[in-house]
Every structure is written in structure tokens, then in C-alpha cells.
Amino acid sequence: MKPDKVRNLTDAELSHQERDLNDQLFKLKFQLNMGQTESLKKIRGLRRDIARVKTIARERGVATSVTTGATTEKK
């Protein structure tokens, strides 16, 4: 995915795109571990696309689904 295409997305679309890419990455990693696929290039590309989306979201100040995961610490 090209950076220009990602920059044209709205904030909601950006968050949705990140969730979709993370889901695709999870499925590919699962298939890789099960021995059903050997698409390392696709995994690498998805990781780069996720990084692009997160970078542009951070530039805009948009909180995405993965980055807003609040952690609660018990003391």
C-alpha cells in the first residue's frame, strides 16, 4: 500500500485499515506455523503496511485500536 493512499484515508478508515491488516497478519502467521503457507514476502509487506498506517495515524494524532490498549496495573 502506498503512503499517498494511506494519507487520503479518514481517521475512522485509518483505524479500520489497521485492524484489517492486523487480522490478515495474524491469519498468515497462523497458517505459517501450521505449515499451510510459506508467504514470507506477504508477511513482510503486511508488517510494513501496518507500520505505515501507524506512522500516519501518529502524525495526525489519531489513537488507533492497538495503540490505545490501556493497561491496568495492580499494585
PDB file of N, CA and C in Angstrom:
ATOM      1  N   MET A   1       0.843  -1.168   0.000  1.00  0.00           N
ATOM      2  CA  MET A   1       0.000   0.000   0.000  1.00  0.00           C
ATOM      3  C   MET A   1       0.895   1.240   0.000  1.00  0.00           C
ATOM      4  N   LYS A   2       0.584   2.165  -0.853  1.00  0.00           N
ATOM      5  CA  LYS A   2       1.383   3.381  -0.995  1.00  0.00           C
ATOM      6  C   LYS A   2       1.043   4.386   0.110  1.00  0.00           C
ATOM      7  N   PRO A   3       2.036   5.153   0.565  1.00  0.00           N
ATOM      8  CA  PRO A   3       1.774   6.149   1.612  1.00  0.00           C
ATOM      9  C   PRO A   3       0.740   7.188   1.192  1.00  0.00           C
ATOM     10  N   ASP A   4       0.714   7.558  -0.082  1.00  0.00           N
ATOM     11  CA  ASP A   4      -0.262   8.545  -0.547  1.00  0.00           C
ATOM     12  C   ASP A   4      -1.681   8.031  -0.371  1.00  0.00           C
ATOM     13  N   LYS A   5      -1.873   6.756  -0.633  1.00  0.00           N
ATOM     14  CA  LYS A   5      -3.197   6.159  -0.481  1.00  0.00           C
ATOM     15  C   LYS A   5      -3.618   6.161   0.988  1.00  0.00           C
ATOM     16  N   VAL A   6      -2.677   5.876   1.875  1.00  0.00           N
ATOM     17  CA  VAL A   6      -2.975   5.857   3.309  1.00  0.00           C
ATOM     18  C   VAL A   6      -3.279   7.262   3.808  1.00  0.00           C
ATOM     19  N   ARG A   7      -2.560   8.251   3.305  1.00  0.00           N
ATOM     20  CA  ARG A   7      -2.778   9.635   3.741  1.00  0.00           C
ATOM     21  C   ARG A   7      -4.152  10.161   3.330  1.00  0.00           C
ATOM     22  N   ASN A   8      -4.740   9.596   2.280  1.00  0.00           N
ATOM     23  CA  ASN A   8      -6.056  10.042   1.820  1.00  0.00           C
ATOM     24  C   ASN A   8      -7.202   9.429   2.617  1.00  0.00           C
ATOM     25  N   LEU A   9      -6.908   8.494   3.510  1.00  0.00           N
ATOM     26  CA  LEU A   9      -7.948   7.871   4.315  1.00  0.00           C
ATOM     27  C   LEU A   9      -8.377   8.790   5.455  1.00  0.00           C
ATOM     28  N   THR A  10      -9.636   8.662   5.855  1.00  0.00           N
ATOM     29  CA  THR A  10     -10.101   9.419   7.022  1.00  0.00           C
ATOM     30  C   THR A  10      -9.585   8.736   8.282  1.00  0.00           C
ATOM     31  N   ASP A  11      -9.786   9.370   9.413  1.00  0.00           N
ATOM     32  CA  ASP A  11      -9.303   8.816  10.674  1.00  0.00           C
ATOM     33  C   ASP A  11      -9.974   7.481  10.992  1.00  0.00           C
ATOM     34  N   ALA A  12     -11.282   7.399  10.756  1.00  0.00           N
ATOM     35  CA  ALA A  12     -12.005   6.150  11.021  1.00  0.00           C
ATOM     36  C   ALA A  12     -11.543   5.048  10.074  1.00  0.00           C
ATOM     37  N   GLU A  13     -11.346   5.405   8.812  1.00  0.00           N
ATOM     38  CA  GLU A  13     -10.866   4.417   7.838  1.00  0.00           C
ATOM     39  C   GLU A  13      -9.463   3.950   8.185  1.00  0.00           C
ATOM     40  N   LEU A  14      -8.655   4.865   8.726  1.00  0.00           N
ATOM     41  CA  LEU A  14      -7.293   4.529   9.124  1.00  0.00           C
ATOM     42  C   LEU A  14      -7.295   3.494  10.247  1.00  0.00           C
ATOM     43  N   SER A  15      -8.142   3.686  11.232  1.00  0.00           N
ATOM     44  CA  SER A  15      -8.251   2.725  12.332  1.00  0.00           C
ATOM     45  C   SER A  15      -8.763   1.381  11.828  1.00  0.00           C
ATOM     46  N   HIS A  16      -9.749   1.437  10.947  1.00  0.00           N
ATOM     47  CA  HIS A  16     -10.317   0.206  10.381  1.00  0.00           C
ATOM     48  C   HIS A  16      -9.270  -0.533   9.548  1.00  0.00           C
ATOM     49  N   GLN A  17      -8.479   0.211   8.782  1.00  0.00           N
ATOM     50  CA  GLN A  17      -7.436  -0.390   7.950  1.00  0.00           C
ATOM     51  C   GLN A  17      -6.396  -1.085   8.822  1.00  0.00           C
ATOM     52  N   GLU A  18      -6.031  -0.464   9.936  1.00  0.00           N
ATOM     53  CA  GLU A  18      -5.046  -1.084  10.821  1.00  0.00           C
ATOM     54  C   GLU A  18      -5.575  -2.393  11.403  1.00  0.00           C
ATOM     55  N   ARG A  19      -6.844  -2.396  11.818  1.00  0.00           N
ATOM     56  CA  ARG A  19      -7.436  -3.636  12.345  1.00  0.00           C
ATOM     57  C   ARG A  19      -7.442  -4.731  11.281  1.00  0.00           C
ATOM     58  N   ASP A  20      -7.817  -4.367  10.053  1.00  0.00           N
ATOM     59  CA  ASP A  20      -7.849  -5.357   8.971  1.00  0.00           C
ATOM     60  C   ASP A  20      -6.464  -5.924   8.689  1.00  0.00           C
ATOM     61  N   LEU A  21      -5.465  -5.059   8.649  1.00  0.00           N
ATOM     62  CA  LEU A  21      -4.099  -5.519   8.391  1.00  0.00           C
ATOM     63  C   LEU A  21      -3.594  -6.416   9.511  1.00  0.00           C
ATOM     64  N   ASN A  22      -3.919  -6.067  10.756  1.00  0.00           N
ATOM     65  CA  ASN A  22      -3.505  -6.912  11.880  1.00  0.00           C
ATOM     66  C   ASN A  22      -4.184  -8.277  11.825  1.00  0.00           C
ATOM     67  N   ASP A  23      -5.451  -8.299  11.421  1.00  0.00           N
ATOM     68  CA  ASP A  23      -6.156  -9.580  11.275  1.00  0.00           C
ATOM     69  C   ASP A  23      -5.516 -10.438  10.178  1.00  0.00           C
ATOM     70  N   GLN A  24      -5.195  -9.810   9.059  1.00  0.00           N
ATOM     71  CA  GLN A  24      -4.558 -10.544   7.968  1.00  0.00           C
ATOM     72  C   GLN A  24      -3.204 -11.093   8.390  1.00  0.00           C
ATOM     73  N   LEU A  25      -2.445 -10.274   9.129  1.00  0.00           N
ATOM     74  CA  LEU A  25      -1.134 -10.712   9.598  1.00  0.00           C
ATOM     75  C   LEU A  25      -1.266 -11.893  10.552  1.00  0.00           C
ATOM     76  N   PHE A  26      -2.238 -11.827  11.452  1.00  0.00           N
ATOM     77  CA  PHE A  26      -2.467 -12.920  12.388  1.00  0.00           C
ATOM     78  C   PHE A  26      -2.779 -14.214  11.640  1.00  0.00           C
ATOM     79  N   LYS A  27      -3.670 -14.122  10.650  1.00  0.00           N
ATOM     80  CA  LYS A  27      -4.055 -15.314   9.890  1.00  0.00           C
ATOM     81  C   LYS A  27      -2.876 -15.893   9.132  1.00  0.00           C
ATOM     82  N   LEU A  28      -2.059 -15.035   8.532  1.00  0.00           N
ATOM     83  CA  LEU A  28      -0.891 -15.524   7.793  1.00  0.00           C
ATOM     84  C   LEU A  28       0.134 -16.167   8.725  1.00  0.00           C
ATOM     85  N   LYS A  29       0.348 -15.565   9.888  1.00  0.00           N
ATOM     86  CA  LYS A  29       1.284 -16.161  10.850  1.00  0.00           C
ATOM     87  C   LYS A  29       0.774 -17.514  11.335  1.00  0.00           C
ATOM     88  N   PHE A  30      -0.522 -17.604  11.536  1.00  0.00           N
ATOM     89  CA  PHE A  30      -1.119 -18.867  11.969  1.00  0.00           C
ATOM     90  C   PHE A  30      -0.928 -19.933  10.891  1.00  0.00           C
ATOM     91  N   GLN A  31      -1.185 -19.577   9.636  1.00  0.00           N
ATOM     92  CA  GLN A  31      -1.000 -20.521   8.533  1.00  0.00           C
ATOM     93  C   GLN A  31       0.456 -20.926   8.403  1.00  0.00           C
ATOM     94  N   LEU A  32       1.360 -19.981   8.615  1.00  0.00           N
ATOM     95  CA  LEU A  32       2.787 -20.272   8.526  1.00  0.00           C
ATOM     96  C   LEU A  32       3.189 -21.282   9.595  1.00  0.00           C
ATOM     97  N   ASN A  33       2.693 -21.098  10.810  1.00  0.00           N
ATOM     98  CA  ASN A  33       3.023 -22.021  11.892  1.00  0.00           C
ATOM     99  C   ASN A  33       2.403 -23.396  11.694  1.00  0.00           C
ATOM    100  N   MET A  34       1.262 -23.444  11.008  1.00  0.00           N
ATOM    101  CA  MET A  34       0.612 -24.724  10.736  1.00  0.00           C
ATOM    102  C   MET A  34       1.210 -25.414   9.521  1.00  0.00           C
ATOM    103  N   GLY A  35       2.101 -24.731   8.807  1.00  0.00           N
ATOM    104  CA  GLY A  35       2.739 -25.318   7.639  1.00  0.00           C
ATOM    105  C   GLY A  35       1.901 -25.258   6.381  1.00  0.00           C
ATOM    106  N   GLN A  36       0.885 -24.409   6.371  1.00  0.00           N
ATOM    107  CA  GLN A  36      -0.003 -24.326   5.216  1.00  0.00           C
ATOM    108  C   GLN A  36       0.470 -23.313   4.186  1.00  0.00           C
ATOM    109  N   THR A  37       1.375 -22.432   4.548  1.00  0.00           N
ATOM    110  CA  THR A  37       1.832 -21.412   3.610  1.00  0.00           C
ATOM    111  C   THR A  37       3.295 -21.089   3.870  1.00  0.00           C
ATOM    112  N   GLU A  38       3.916 -20.517   2.876  1.00  0.00           N
ATOM    113  CA  GLU A  38       5.292 -20.064   3.016  1.00  0.00           C
ATOM    114  C   GLU A  38       5.426 -18.651   2.455  1.00  0.00           C
ATOM    115  N   SER A  39       4.449 -17.820   2.683  1.00  0.00           N
ATOM    116  CA  SER A  39       4.420 -16.481   2.093  1.00  0.00           C
ATOM    117  C   SER A  39       5.108 -15.467   3.004  1.00  0.00           C
ATOM    118  N   LEU A  40       6.402 -15.558   3.094  1.00  0.00           N
ATOM    119  CA  LEU A  40       7.157 -14.648   3.941  1.00  0.00           C
ATOM    120  C   LEU A  40       7.142 -13.229   3.388  1.00  0.00           C
ATOM    121  N   LYS A  41       7.127 -13.095   2.065  1.00  0.00           N
ATOM    122  CA  LYS A  41       7.094 -11.767   1.460  1.00  0.00           C
ATOM    123  C   LYS A  41       5.787 -11.052   1.800  1.00  0.00           C
ATOM    124  N   LYS A  42       4.697 -11.787   1.820  1.00  0.00           N
ATOM    125  CA  LYS A  42       3.399 -11.187   2.139  1.00  0.00           C
ATOM    126  C   LYS A  42       3.373 -10.742   3.600  1.00  0.00           C
ATOM    127  N   ILE A  43       3.944 -11.539   4.496  1.00  0.00           N
ATOM    128  CA  ILE A  43       4.011 -11.172   5.913  1.00  0.00           C
ATOM    129  C   ILE A  43       4.845  -9.910   6.083  1.00  0.00           C
ATOM    130  N   ARG A  44       5.971  -9.857   5.410  1.00  0.00           N
ATOM    131  CA  ARG A  44       6.841  -8.687   5.497  1.00  0.00           C
ATOM    132  C   ARG A  44       6.129  -7.443   4.971  1.00  0.00           C
ATOM    133  N   GLY A  45       5.404  -7.593   3.875  1.00  0.00           N
ATOM    134  CA  GLY A  45       4.659  -6.474   3.314  1.00  0.00           C
ATOM    135  C   GLY A  45       3.558  -5.990   4.238  1.00  0.00           C
ATOM    136  N   LEU A  46       2.851  -6.926   4.883  1.00  0.00           N
ATOM    137  CA  LEU A  46       1.801  -6.546   5.819  1.00  0.00           C
ATOM    138  C   LEU A  46       2.372  -5.789   7.009  1.00  0.00           C
ATOM    139  N   ARG A  47       3.514  -6.245   7.508  1.00  0.00           N
ATOM    140  CA  ARG A  47       4.139  -5.558   8.633  1.00  0.00           C
ATOM    141  C   ARG A  47       4.523  -4.133   8.259  1.00  0.00           C
ATOM    142  N   ARG A  48       5.005  -3.947   7.041  1.00  0.00           N
ATOM    143  CA  ARG A  48       5.356  -2.601   6.583  1.00  0.00           C
ATOM    144  C   ARG A  48       4.120  -1.733   6.412  1.00  0.00           C
ATOM    145  N   ASP A  49       3.035  -2.326   5.893  1.00  0.00           N
ATOM    146  CA  ASP A  49       1.792  -1.570   5.740  1.00  0.00           C
ATOM    147  C   ASP A  49       1.245  -1.135   7.097  1.00  0.00           C
ATOM    148  N   ILE A  50       1.319  -2.027   8.086  1.00  0.00           N
ATOM    149  CA  ILE A  50       0.865  -1.686   9.440  1.00  0.00           C
ATOM    150  C   ILE A  50       1.714  -0.542   9.992  1.00  0.00           C
ATOM    151  N   ALA A  51       3.011  -0.590   9.758  1.00  0.00           N
ATOM    152  CA  ALA A  51       3.898   0.470  10.227  1.00  0.00           C
ATOM    153  C   ALA A  51       3.547   1.799   9.554  1.00  0.00           C
ATOM    154  N   ARG A  52       3.232   1.761   8.259  1.00  0.00           N
ATOM    155  CA  ARG A  52       2.839   2.981   7.545  1.00  0.00           C
ATOM    156  C   ARG A  52       1.575   3.581   8.147  1.00  0.00           C
ATOM    157  N   VAL A  53       0.583   2.718   8.375  1.00  0.00           N
ATOM    158  CA  VAL A  53      -0.687   3.188   8.922  1.00  0.00           C
ATOM    159  C   VAL A  53      -0.473   3.781  10.313  1.00  0.00           C
ATOM    160  N   LYS A  54       0.308   3.104  11.139  1.00  0.00           N
ATOM    161  CA  LYS A  54       0.558   3.611  12.488  1.00  0.00           C
ATOM    162  C   LYS A  54       1.323   4.929  12.465  1.00  0.00           C
ATOM    163  N   THR A  55       2.274   5.054  11.553  1.00  0.00           N
ATOM    164  CA  THR A  55       3.057   6.279  11.449  1.00  0.00           C
ATOM    165  C   THR A  55       2.175   7.457  11.061  1.00  0.00           C
ATOM    166  N   ILE A  56       1.330   7.262  10.071  1.00  0.00           N
ATOM    167  CA  ILE A  56       0.464   8.342   9.616  1.00  0.00           C
ATOM    168  C   ILE A  56      -0.572   8.673  10.687  1.00  0.00           C
ATOM    169  N   ALA A  57      -1.062   7.665  11.390  1.00  0.00           N
ATOM    170  CA  ALA A  57      -2.009   7.907  12.485  1.00  0.00           C
ATOM    171  C   ALA A  57      -1.330   8.716  13.590  1.00  0.00           C
ATOM    172  N   ARG A  58      -0.100   8.389  13.890  1.00  0.00           N
ATOM    173  CA  ARG A  58       0.636   9.123  14.920  1.00  0.00           C
ATOM    174  C   ARG A  58       0.881  10.566  14.486  1.00  0.00           C
ATOM    175  N   GLU A  59       1.178  10.787  13.198  1.00  0.00           N
ATOM    176  CA  GLU A  59       1.375  12.137  12.695  1.00  0.00           C
ATOM    177  C   GLU A  59       0.114  12.980  12.860  1.00  0.00           C
ATOM    178  N   ARG A  60      -1.031  12.351  12.650  1.00  0.00           N
ATOM    179  CA  ARG A  60      -2.303  13.067  12.769  1.00  0.00           C
ATOM    180  C   ARG A  60      -2.765  13.191  14.215  1.00  0.00           C
ATOM    181  N   GLY A  61      -2.228  12.369  15.101  1.00  0.00           N
ATOM    182  CA  GLY A  61      -2.661  12.364  16.484  1.00  0.00           C
ATOM    183  C   GLY A  61      -3.884  11.499  16.700  1.00  0.00           C
ATOM    184  N   VAL A  62      -4.093  10.545  15.809  1.00  0.00           N
ATOM    185  CA  VAL A  62      -5.238   9.640  15.900  1.00  0.00           C
ATOM    186  C   VAL A  62      -4.855   8.448  16.751  1.00  0.00           C
ATOM    187  N   ALA A  63      -5.709   8.116  17.699  1.00  0.00           N
ATOM    188  CA  ALA A  63      -5.477   6.934  18.528  1.00  0.00           C
ATOM    189  C   ALA A  63      -6.079   5.737  17.807  1.00  0.00           C
ATOM    190  N   THR A  64      -5.255   4.753  17.475  1.00  0.00           N
ATOM    191  CA  THR A  64      -5.742   3.563  16.794  1.00  0.00           C
ATOM    192  C   THR A  64      -6.085   2.483  17.808  1.00  0.00           C
ATOM    193  N   SER A  65      -6.725   1.440  17.349  1.00  0.00           N
ATOM    194  CA  SER A  65      -7.229   0.398  18.244  1.00  0.00           C
ATOM    195  C   SER A  65      -6.119  -0.303  19.014  1.00  0.00           C
ATOM    196  N   VAL A  66      -5.006  -0.552  18.360  1.00  0.00           N
ATOM    197  CA  VAL A  66      -3.925  -1.288  19.011  1.00  0.00           C
ATOM    198  C   VAL A  66      -3.142  -0.377  19.951  1.00  0.00           C
ATOM    199  N   THR A  67      -2.955   0.877  19.563  1.00  0.00           N
ATOM    200  CA  THR A  67      -2.141   1.773  20.375  1.00  0.00           C
ATOM    201  C   THR A  67      -2.896   2.320  21.573  1.00  0.00           C
ATOM    202  N   THR A  68      -4.230   2.181  21.601  1.00  0.00           N
ATOM    203  CA  THR A  68      -4.984   2.698  22.735  1.00  0.00           C
ATOM    204  C   THR A  68      -5.262   1.626  23.775  1.00  0.00           C
ATOM    205  N   GLY A  69      -4.655   0.474  23.639  1.00  0.00           N
ATOM    206  CA  GLY A  69      -4.876  -0.595  24.595  1.00  0.00           C
ATOM    207  C   GLY A  69      -4.394  -0.183  25.969  1.00  0.00           C
ATOM    208  N   ALA A  70      -5.313   0.277  26.788  1.00  0.00           N
ATOM    209  CA  ALA A  70      -4.966   0.748  28.119  1.00  0.00           C
ATOM    210  C   ALA A  70      -4.592  -0.429  29.003  1.00  0.00           C
ATOM    211  N   THR A  71      -3.507  -0.280  29.695  1.00  0.00           N
ATOM    212  CA  THR A  71      -3.079  -1.327  30.608  1.00  0.00           C
ATOM    213  C   THR A  71      -3.398  -0.895  32.021  1.00  0.00           C
ATOM    214  N   THR A  72      -3.946  -1.788  32.759  1.00  0.00           N
ATOM    215  CA  THR A  72      -4.246  -1.506  34.166  1.00  0.00           C
ATOM    216  C   THR A  72      -3.240  -2.239  35.028  1.00  0.00           C
ATOM    217  N   GLU A  73      -2.578  -1.481  35.845  1.00  0.00           N
ATOM    218  CA  GLU A  73      -1.572  -2.074  36.722  1.00  0.00           C
ATOM    219  C   GLU A  73      -2.164  -2.259  38.106  1.00  0.00           C
ATOM    220  N   LYS A  74      -1.966  -3.434  38.638  1.00  0.00           N
ATOM    221  CA  LYS A  74      -2.421  -3.693  40.009  1.00  0.00           C
ATOM    222  C   LYS A  74      -1.235  -3.491  40.938  1.00  0.00           C
ATOM    223  N   LYS A  75      -1.499  -2.790  42.015  1.00  0.00           N
ATOM    224  CA  LYS A  75      -0.419  -2.535  42.978  1.00  0.00           C
ATOM    225  C   LYS A  75      -0.670  -3.250  44.259  1.00  0.00           C
TER     226      LYS A  75
END
